[in-house]
């Protein structure tokens, strides 16, 4: 890995690769890990001599970061599935009570509140699900976790608020 590749990566830049291009995400995460190591003068000296990162270090780092990324995505998917199950359950209860039916007009305010509340609930379940933590709490997956929470929660909160005042 060259010095040009050793750069701290913005979690916003890594968001789409995490979800859609996992090999690219792992490359970014390794680059980020190297950049974190190069803060130390010991590693900078080794890097200047061409001894860091070694192929074995890079391989071990990849093996550690790939499962962390998988756990983050699995947690996101599991919380989405659980939220969807609760929404379906709520809709079934509302249907059994006669509050929703295909022949009734769609209430935009209630629909927006349901969608917004569901997004906020999904983000909350995701946040509570946890993730792989390191000692430094600076690895890319650790920086991505709160970004993912905000990307889901804040629009959900806004949509729910709009639905309440509709």
C-alpha atoms as a PDB file:
ATOM      1  CA  UNK A   1       0.000   0.000   0.000  1.00  0.00           C
ATOM      2  CA  UNK A   2       1.428   3.360  -0.974  1.00  0.00           C
ATOM      3  CA  UNK A   3       1.424   6.529   1.101  1.00  0.00           C
ATOM      4  CA  UNK A   4      -1.136   8.056  -1.258  1.00  0.00           C
ATOM      5  CA  UNK A   5      -3.533   5.254  -0.347  1.00  0.00           C
ATOM      6  CA  UNK A   6      -3.001   5.772   3.393  1.00  0.00           C
ATOM      7  CA  UNK A   7      -5.572   8.431   4.143  1.00  0.00           C
ATOM      8  CA  UNK A   8      -8.269   8.807   6.725  1.00  0.00           C
ATOM      9  CA  UNK A   9     -11.578   8.293   5.020  1.00  0.00           C
ATOM     10  CA  UNK A  10     -14.733  10.270   5.623  1.00  0.00           C
ATOM     11  CA  UNK A  11     -17.589   8.023   6.730  1.00  0.00           C
ATOM     12  CA  UNK A  12     -19.782   9.777   4.146  1.00  0.00           C
ATOM     13  CA  UNK A  13     -17.406   8.639   1.407  1.00  0.00           C
ATOM     14  CA  UNK A  14     -17.506   5.058   2.686  1.00  0.00           C
ATOM     15  CA  UNK A  15     -21.283   4.844   3.119  1.00  0.00           C
ATOM     16  CA  UNK A  16     -22.252   3.652  -0.371  1.00  0.00           C
ATOM     17  CA  UNK A  17     -19.286   1.270  -0.755  1.00  0.00           C
ATOM     18  CA  UNK A  18     -20.251  -0.327   2.586  1.00  0.00           C
ATOM     19  CA  UNK A  19     -23.722  -1.055   1.277  1.00  0.00           C
ATOM     20  CA  UNK A  20     -23.045  -1.823  -2.395  1.00  0.00           C
ATOM     21  CA  UNK A  21     -19.331  -2.434  -3.067  1.00  0.00           C
ATOM     22  CA  UNK A  22     -17.889  -4.323  -0.095  1.00  0.00           C
ATOM     23  CA  UNK A  23     -14.404  -4.943  -1.593  1.00  0.00           C
ATOM     24  CA  UNK A  24     -14.083  -1.196  -2.225  1.00  0.00           C
ATOM     25  CA  UNK A  25     -15.220  -0.501   1.336  1.00  0.00           C
ATOM     26  CA  UNK A  26     -12.603  -2.882   2.763  1.00  0.00           C
ATOM     27  CA  UNK A  27      -9.906  -1.099   0.706  1.00  0.00           C
ATOM     28  CA  UNK A  28     -11.066   2.220   2.171  1.00  0.00           C
ATOM     29  CA  UNK A  29     -11.150   0.768   5.689  1.00  0.00           C
ATOM     30  CA  UNK A  30      -7.594  -0.582   5.358  1.00  0.00           C
ATOM     31  CA  UNK A  31      -6.404   2.777   4.048  1.00  0.00           C
ATOM     32  CA  UNK A  32      -8.083   4.433   7.011  1.00  0.00           C
ATOM     33  CA  UNK A  33      -6.439   1.983   9.432  1.00  0.00           C
ATOM     34  CA  UNK A  34      -3.001   2.653   7.925  1.00  0.00           C
ATOM     35  CA  UNK A  35      -3.561   6.401   8.252  1.00  0.00           C
ATOM     36  CA  UNK A  36      -4.500   5.948  11.902  1.00  0.00           C
ATOM     37  CA  UNK A  37      -1.307   3.977  12.503  1.00  0.00           C
ATOM     38  CA  UNK A  38       0.825   6.580  10.735  1.00  0.00           C
ATOM     39  CA  UNK A  39      -0.087   9.101  13.430  1.00  0.00           C
ATOM     40  CA  UNK A  40       2.464   7.290  15.572  1.00  0.00           C
ATOM     41  CA  UNK A  41       6.099   8.237  14.993  1.00  0.00           C
ATOM     42  CA  UNK A  42       7.085   4.579  15.330  1.00  0.00           C
ATOM     43  CA  UNK A  43       4.883   3.574  12.388  1.00  0.00           C
ATOM     44  CA  UNK A  44       5.878   6.654  10.381  1.00  0.00           C
ATOM     45  CA  UNK A  45       9.541   5.631  10.747  1.00  0.00           C
ATOM     46  CA  UNK A  46       8.744   2.061   9.687  1.00  0.00           C
ATOM     47  CA  UNK A  47       6.709   3.399   6.776  1.00  0.00           C
ATOM     48  CA  UNK A  48       9.563   5.670   5.678  1.00  0.00           C
ATOM     49  CA  UNK A  49      11.856   2.632   5.601  1.00  0.00           C
ATOM     50  CA  UNK A  50       9.262   0.674   3.590  1.00  0.00           C
ATOM     51  CA  UNK A  51       8.588  -1.799   6.407  1.00  0.00           C
ATOM     52  CA  UNK A  52       5.028  -0.750   7.111  1.00  0.00           C
ATOM     53  CA  UNK A  53       2.433  -1.863   6.285  1.00  0.00           C
ATOM     54  CA  UNK A  54       3.693  -5.355   5.755  1.00  0.00           C
ATOM     55  CA  UNK A  55       1.676  -7.775   3.637  1.00  0.00           C
ATOM     56  CA  UNK A  56       0.878  -9.819   6.739  1.00  0.00           C
ATOM     57  CA  UNK A  57      -0.323  -6.701   8.608  1.00  0.00           C
ATOM     58  CA  UNK A  58      -2.530  -5.696   5.695  1.00  0.00           C
ATOM     59  CA  UNK A  59      -3.926  -9.223   5.369  1.00  0.00           C
ATOM     60  CA  UNK A  60      -4.695  -9.431   9.089  1.00  0.00           C
ATOM     61  CA  UNK A  61      -6.306  -5.991   9.012  1.00  0.00           C
ATOM     62  CA  UNK A  62      -8.494  -7.003   6.075  1.00  0.00           C
ATOM     63  CA  UNK A  63      -9.519 -10.161   7.917  1.00  0.00           C
ATOM     64  CA  UNK A  64     -10.520  -8.078  10.951  1.00  0.00           C
ATOM     65  CA  UNK A  65     -12.309  -5.287   9.102  1.00  0.00           C
ATOM     66  CA  UNK A  66     -14.398  -7.439   6.749  1.00  0.00           C
ATOM     67  CA  UNK A  67     -16.363  -9.136   9.584  1.00  0.00           C
ATOM     68  CA  UNK A  68     -16.898  -5.757  11.270  1.00  0.00           C
ATOM     69  CA  UNK A  69     -18.401  -4.397   8.048  1.00  0.00           C
ATOM     70  CA  UNK A  70     -20.545  -7.516   7.653  1.00  0.00           C
ATOM     71  CA  UNK A  71     -21.835  -7.165  11.215  1.00  0.00           C
ATOM     72  CA  UNK A  72     -22.704  -3.512  10.605  1.00  0.00           C
ATOM     73  CA  UNK A  73     -24.692  -4.343   7.457  1.00  0.00           C
ATOM     74  CA  UNK A  74     -26.338  -7.371   9.103  1.00  0.00           C
ATOM     75  CA  UNK A  75     -27.371  -5.206  12.039  1.00  0.00           C
ATOM     76  CA  UNK A  76     -28.860  -2.653   9.643  1.00  0.00           C
ATOM     77  CA  UNK A  77     -30.787  -5.376   7.777  1.00  0.00           C
ATOM     78  CA  UNK A  78     -31.957  -7.142  10.947  1.00  0.00           C
ATOM     79  CA  UNK A  79     -33.282  -3.929  12.450  1.00  0.00           C
ATOM     80  CA  UNK A  80     -35.062  -3.147   9.151  1.00  0.00           C
ATOM     81  CA  UNK A  81     -36.661  -6.597   9.142  1.00  0.00           C
ATOM     82  CA  UNK A  82     -37.789  -6.237  12.764  1.00  0.00           C
ATOM     83  CA  UNK A  83     -39.238  -2.791  12.067  1.00  0.00           C
ATOM     84  CA  UNK A  84     -41.077  -4.084   8.991  1.00  0.00           C
ATOM     85  CA  UNK A  85     -42.526  -6.932  11.073  1.00  0.00           C
ATOM     86  CA  UNK A  86     -43.852  -4.457  13.646  1.00  0.00           C
ATOM     87  CA  UNK A  87     -45.350  -2.233  10.919  1.00  0.00           C
ATOM     88  CA  UNK A  88     -47.078  -5.215   9.308  1.00  0.00           C
ATOM     89  CA  UNK A  89     -48.353  -6.304  12.728  1.00  0.00           C
ATOM     90  CA  UNK A  90     -49.686  -2.815  13.431  1.00  0.00           C
ATOM     91  CA  UNK A  91     -51.400  -2.674  10.043  1.00  0.00           C
ATOM     92  CA  UNK A  92     -53.001  -6.088  10.627  1.00  0.00           C
ATOM     93  CA  UNK A  93     -54.345  -4.971  14.017  1.00  0.00           C
ATOM     94  CA  UNK A  94     -55.623  -1.716  12.463  1.00  0.00           C
ATOM     95  CA  UNK A  95     -57.286  -3.718   9.673  1.00  0.00           C
ATOM     96  CA  UNK A  96     -58.909  -6.107  12.187  1.00  0.00           C
ATOM     97  CA  UNK A  97     -60.241  -3.104  14.119  1.00  0.00           C
ATOM     98  CA  UNK A  98     -61.609  -1.603  10.914  1.00  0.00           C
ATOM     99  CA  UNK A  99     -59.318   1.446  10.963  1.00  0.00           C
ATOM    100  CA  UNK A 100     -57.718   0.681   7.586  1.00  0.00           C
ATOM    101  CA  UNK A 101     -59.265  -0.936   4.542  1.00  0.00           C
ATOM    102  CA  UNK A 102     -58.643  -0.908   0.806  1.00  0.00           C
ATOM    103  CA  UNK A 103     -61.951   0.899   0.186  1.00  0.00           C
ATOM    104  CA  UNK A 104     -61.164   3.746   2.616  1.00  0.00           C
ATOM    105  CA  UNK A 105     -59.424   6.916   1.424  1.00  0.00           C
ATOM    106  CA  UNK A 106     -55.745   7.240   2.198  1.00  0.00           C
ATOM    107  CA  UNK A 107     -55.014   9.597   5.101  1.00  0.00           C
ATOM    108  CA  UNK A 108     -51.805  11.358   4.061  1.00  0.00           C
ATOM    109  CA  UNK A 109     -51.023  12.603   7.567  1.00  0.00           C
ATOM    110  CA  UNK A 110     -51.338   9.155   9.114  1.00  0.00           C
ATOM    111  CA  UNK A 111     -49.343   7.607   6.292  1.00  0.00           C
ATOM    112  CA  UNK A 112     -46.526  10.129   6.736  1.00  0.00           C
ATOM    113  CA  UNK A 113     -46.565   9.546  10.496  1.00  0.00           C
ATOM    114  CA  UNK A 114     -46.348   5.783   9.942  1.00  0.00           C
ATOM    115  CA  UNK A 115     -43.471   6.100   7.471  1.00  0.00           C
ATOM    116  CA  UNK A 116     -41.582   8.614   9.614  1.00  0.00           C
ATOM    117  CA  UNK A 117     -42.115   6.672  12.820  1.00  0.00           C
ATOM    118  CA  UNK A 118     -40.994   3.496  11.073  1.00  0.00           C
ATOM    119  CA  UNK A 119     -37.776   5.115   9.881  1.00  0.00           C
ATOM    120  CA  UNK A 120     -37.086   6.519  13.349  1.00  0.00           C
ATOM    121  CA  UNK A 121     -37.835   3.118  14.884  1.00  0.00           C
ATOM    122  CA  UNK A 122     -35.544   1.374  12.408  1.00  0.00           C
ATOM    123  CA  UNK A 123     -32.709   3.757  13.226  1.00  0.00           C
ATOM    124  CA  UNK A 124     -33.282   3.322  16.958  1.00  0.00           C
ATOM    125  CA  UNK A 125     -33.238  -0.480  16.745  1.00  0.00           C
ATOM    126  CA  UNK A 126     -30.092  -0.261  14.627  1.00  0.00           C
ATOM    127  CA  UNK A 127     -28.424   2.007  17.200  1.00  0.00           C
ATOM    128  CA  UNK A 128     -29.329  -0.332  20.045  1.00  0.00           C
ATOM    129  CA  UNK A 129     -28.067  -3.370  18.103  1.00  0.00           C
ATOM    130  CA  UNK A 130     -24.420  -2.553  18.697  1.00  0.00           C
ATOM    131  CA  UNK A 131     -21.393  -3.078  16.518  1.00  0.00           C
ATOM    132  CA  UNK A 132     -17.786  -4.232  16.742  1.00  0.00           C
ATOM    133  CA  UNK A 133     -15.875  -1.742  18.883  1.00  0.00           C
ATOM    134  CA  UNK A 134     -12.132  -1.251  18.969  1.00  0.00           C
ATOM    135  CA  UNK A 135     -10.006   0.337  21.653  1.00  0.00           C
ATOM    136  CA  UNK A 136      -9.519   3.562  19.705  1.00  0.00           C
ATOM    137  CA  UNK A 137     -13.108   3.789  18.424  1.00  0.00           C
ATOM    138  CA  UNK A 138     -11.732   5.366  15.249  1.00  0.00           C
ATOM    139  CA  UNK A 139     -12.017   2.547  12.742  1.00  0.00           C
ATOM    140  CA  UNK A 140     -14.179   3.277   9.714  1.00  0.00           C
ATOM    141  CA  UNK A 141     -17.065   1.005  10.715  1.00  0.00           C
ATOM    142  CA  UNK A 142     -17.210   2.761  14.084  1.00  0.00           C
ATOM    143  CA  UNK A 143     -17.418   6.154  12.384  1.00  0.00           C
ATOM    144  CA  UNK A 144     -20.087   4.865   9.986  1.00  0.00           C
ATOM    145  CA  UNK A 145     -22.440   3.596  12.685  1.00  0.00           C
ATOM    146  CA  UNK A 146     -23.614   7.038  13.891  1.00  0.00           C
ATOM    147  CA  UNK A 147     -23.741   8.320  10.304  1.00  0.00           C
ATOM    148  CA  UNK A 148     -26.084   5.492   9.321  1.00  0.00           C
ATOM    149  CA  UNK A 149     -28.220   6.235  12.383  1.00  0.00           C
ATOM    150  CA  UNK A 150     -28.542   9.904  11.445  1.00  0.00           C
ATOM    151  CA  UNK A 151     -29.206   9.177   7.756  1.00  0.00           C
ATOM    152  CA  UNK A 152     -32.218   7.077   8.737  1.00  0.00           C
ATOM    153  CA  UNK A 153     -33.424   8.735  11.949  1.00  0.00           C
ATOM    154  CA  UNK A 154     -33.431  12.419  11.002  1.00  0.00           C
ATOM    155  CA  UNK A 155     -35.527  12.064   7.818  1.00  0.00           C
ATOM    156  CA  UNK A 156     -37.851   9.758   9.742  1.00  0.00           C
ATOM    157  CA  UNK A 157     -38.276  12.342  12.462  1.00  0.00           C
ATOM    158  CA  UNK A 158     -38.955  15.071   9.886  1.00  0.00           C
ATOM    159  CA  UNK A 159     -41.486  12.939   7.990  1.00  0.00           C
ATOM    160  CA  UNK A 160     -43.274  11.973  11.216  1.00  0.00           C
ATOM    161  CA  UNK A 161     -43.462  15.617  12.289  1.00  0.00           C
ATOM    162  CA  UNK A 162     -44.872  16.620   8.897  1.00  0.00           C
ATOM    163  CA  UNK A 163     -47.442  13.834   9.203  1.00  0.00           C
ATOM    164  CA  UNK A 164     -48.528  15.108  12.609  1.00  0.00           C
ATOM    165  CA  UNK A 165     -49.210  18.618  11.371  1.00  0.00           C
ATOM    166  CA  UNK A 166     -50.688  17.567   8.017  1.00  0.00           C
END
